[in-house]
């Protein structure tokens, strides 16, 4: 039901999502080591969301008869300059994921694979939210990073975030 090329691209995206989960977990560890547990929580939740995305892709590929071939996951970096560096890297990474998903959509459209195009619409919407959120947090961390009181409040704000599994996952 799905072409070999689209299956390959989705398999690659599964690996991208799994890498993103590890990348965000590494970011979480950095903040945790600095006793910024609220910001660490934010990145832990991000990590869980990326794994959920990988699972959705895995299930879709299985449902449409594509061969699932799990790729190697690279080791993410664990050293960062500062909090601003991390949030900027998170935004860069979300933009990279968006481009990758757009590439799958383009190829699915070229092949007339409307099922895959429809399936990926959820991910397109998700990426719009992810990039907007990441961009806002870059702005906020730049405003608060040199102010311990403001950083404390920002940390408390991000501590409230909880993982909510998508009902369609």
Protein backbone atom coordinates (compact mmCIF):
# COMPACT_ATOMS: atom_id res chain seq x y z
CA UNK A 1 0.00 0.00 0.00
CA UNK A 2 2.94 2.35 0.60
CA UNK A 3 5.90 2.61 -1.74
CA UNK A 4 9.39 1.50 -0.78
CA UNK A 5 10.60 5.11 -1.04
CA UNK A 6 7.90 6.46 1.31
CA UNK A 7 8.51 3.58 3.72
CA UNK A 8 12.22 4.45 3.75
CA UNK A 9 11.49 8.12 4.43
CA UNK A 10 9.12 7.22 7.28
CA UNK A 11 11.70 4.82 8.72
CA UNK A 12 14.22 7.67 8.63
CA UNK A 13 11.69 9.93 10.34
CA UNK A 14 11.18 7.36 13.08
CA UNK A 15 14.92 7.53 13.71
CA UNK A 16 14.80 11.35 13.68
CA UNK A 17 12.03 11.31 16.28
CA UNK A 18 13.92 8.83 18.45
CA UNK A 19 17.05 10.94 18.19
CA UNK A 20 15.04 14.02 19.17
CA UNK A 21 13.84 12.17 22.27
CA UNK A 22 17.44 11.47 23.25
CA UNK A 23 18.52 15.02 22.42
CA UNK A 24 15.82 16.51 24.63
CA UNK A 25 16.61 14.05 27.40
CA UNK A 26 20.23 15.22 27.24
CA UNK A 27 19.04 18.82 27.52
CA UNK A 28 16.89 17.82 30.47
CA UNK A 29 19.91 16.28 32.19
CA UNK A 30 21.89 19.50 31.71
CA UNK A 31 19.18 21.55 33.43
CA UNK A 32 18.72 18.95 36.14
CA UNK A 33 22.43 19.13 36.96
CA UNK A 34 21.97 22.90 37.40
CA UNK A 35 19.01 22.33 39.79
CA UNK A 36 16.62 23.87 37.29
CA UNK A 37 14.16 21.02 37.63
CA UNK A 38 11.24 22.87 36.04
CA UNK A 39 13.13 23.46 32.80
CA UNK A 40 14.47 19.89 33.04
CA UNK A 41 10.83 18.75 33.27
CA UNK A 42 9.96 20.70 30.12
CA UNK A 43 12.62 18.83 28.15
CA UNK A 44 11.63 15.46 29.68
CA UNK A 45 8.10 16.04 28.43
CA UNK A 46 9.50 17.03 25.01
CA UNK A 47 11.42 13.75 24.98
CA UNK A 48 8.29 11.73 25.71
CA UNK A 49 6.39 13.55 22.96
CA UNK A 50 9.08 12.69 20.42
CA UNK A 51 8.84 9.02 21.36
CA UNK A 52 5.08 9.21 20.90
CA UNK A 53 5.67 10.70 17.43
CA UNK A 54 8.01 7.82 16.57
CA UNK A 55 5.37 5.35 17.76
CA UNK A 56 2.69 6.98 15.60
CA UNK A 57 4.92 6.70 12.55
CA UNK A 58 5.83 3.10 13.41
CA UNK A 59 2.15 2.15 13.74
CA UNK A 60 1.21 3.93 10.51
CA UNK A 61 3.94 2.23 8.54
CA UNK A 62 2.86 -1.11 9.93
CA UNK A 63 -0.80 -0.38 9.09
CA UNK A 64 -0.04 0.42 5.45
CA UNK A 65 2.16 -2.63 4.94
CA UNK A 66 5.48 -0.85 4.83
CA UNK A 67 8.59 -2.65 5.98
CA UNK A 68 9.79 -1.27 9.28
CA UNK A 69 13.56 -0.98 9.44
CA UNK A 70 14.76 0.78 12.55
CA UNK A 71 17.81 2.93 11.98
CA UNK A 72 20.75 3.73 14.17
CA UNK A 73 20.29 6.55 16.67
CA UNK A 74 23.27 8.87 17.01
CA UNK A 75 24.49 9.91 20.44
CA UNK A 76 23.22 13.42 21.20
CA UNK A 77 25.50 16.12 22.58
CA UNK A 78 25.55 16.48 26.36
CA UNK A 79 27.60 19.63 26.75
CA UNK A 80 26.02 23.00 26.13
CA UNK A 81 27.25 26.59 26.57
CA UNK A 82 24.30 27.84 28.57
CA UNK A 83 20.50 27.81 28.85
CA UNK A 84 20.06 30.12 25.86
CA UNK A 85 22.23 27.83 23.74
CA UNK A 86 20.00 24.88 24.61
CA UNK A 87 16.75 26.63 23.74
CA UNK A 88 18.24 27.89 20.47
CA UNK A 89 19.39 24.37 19.61
CA UNK A 90 15.92 23.03 20.42
CA UNK A 91 14.37 25.55 18.01
CA UNK A 92 16.91 24.66 15.30
CA UNK A 93 16.11 20.99 15.81
CA UNK A 94 12.35 21.55 15.51
CA UNK A 95 12.93 23.39 12.22
CA UNK A 96 14.99 20.44 10.98
CA UNK A 97 12.19 18.01 11.90
CA UNK A 98 9.67 20.21 10.09
CA UNK A 99 11.77 20.17 6.91
CA UNK A 100 12.05 16.38 7.14
CA UNK A 101 8.29 15.94 7.49
CA UNK A 102 7.67 18.37 4.62
CA UNK A 103 10.02 16.24 2.49
CA UNK A 104 7.95 13.12 3.17
CA UNK A 105 4.75 15.02 2.34
CA UNK A 106 6.26 16.30 -0.91
CA UNK A 107 7.31 12.80 -1.94
CA UNK A 108 3.93 11.34 -0.94
CA UNK A 109 2.18 14.03 -3.00
CA UNK A 110 4.45 13.33 -5.97
CA UNK A 111 3.45 9.66 -5.77
CA UNK A 112 -0.25 10.38 -5.24
CA UNK A 113 -0.05 8.72 -1.81
CA UNK A 114 -3.01 10.50 -0.28
CA UNK A 115 -3.14 8.25 2.78
CA UNK A 116 0.37 9.25 3.84
CA UNK A 117 -0.30 12.90 3.05
CA UNK A 118 -3.42 12.79 5.20
CA UNK A 119 -1.61 10.98 8.02
CA UNK A 120 1.19 13.54 8.04
CA UNK A 121 -1.21 16.50 8.36
CA UNK A 122 -1.27 15.89 12.14
CA UNK A 123 2.53 16.17 12.20
CA UNK A 124 2.49 19.37 10.15
CA UNK A 125 0.08 20.94 12.64
CA UNK A 126 2.19 19.65 15.53
CA UNK A 127 5.34 21.18 14.05
CA UNK A 128 3.70 24.58 13.69
CA UNK A 129 2.96 24.43 17.43
CA UNK A 130 6.42 23.09 18.29
CA UNK A 131 8.26 25.80 16.38
CA UNK A 132 6.07 28.57 17.80
CA UNK A 133 6.56 27.28 21.34
CA UNK A 134 10.32 26.83 20.91
CA UNK A 135 10.62 30.34 19.47
CA UNK A 136 8.72 31.82 22.42
CA UNK A 137 10.98 30.01 24.88
CA UNK A 138 14.09 31.31 23.13
CA UNK A 139 12.75 34.83 23.59
CA UNK A 140 11.86 34.19 27.24
CA UNK A 141 15.17 32.57 28.19
CA UNK A 142 17.05 35.49 26.65
CA UNK A 143 15.00 37.86 28.82
CA UNK A 144 15.46 35.97 32.08
CA UNK A 145 18.82 34.20 31.98
CA UNK A 146 20.77 37.04 33.64
CA UNK A 147 18.13 37.62 36.31
CA UNK A 148 18.04 34.88 39.01
CA UNK A 149 14.56 35.83 40.20
CA UNK A 150 13.13 35.80 36.69
CA UNK A 151 14.92 32.52 35.92
CA UNK A 152 13.38 31.03 39.06
CA UNK A 153 9.88 32.05 37.90
CA UNK A 154 10.53 30.70 34.39
CA UNK A 155 11.70 27.43 35.93
CA UNK A 156 8.50 27.26 37.99
CA UNK A 157 6.38 27.92 34.89
CA UNK A 158 7.96 25.03 33.00
CA UNK A 159 7.64 22.72 36.00
CA UNK A 160 3.87 22.70 35.43
CA UNK A 161 4.10 21.02 32.05
CA UNK A 162 2.86 17.43 31.95
CA UNK A 163 2.98 14.80 29.24
CA UNK A 164 -0.40 14.07 27.71
CA UNK A 165 -0.51 11.14 25.33
CA UNK A 166 -2.33 11.89 22.12
CA UNK A 167 -5.65 10.04 21.96
CA UNK A 168 -4.93 9.01 18.36
CA UNK A 169 -1.51 7.56 19.20
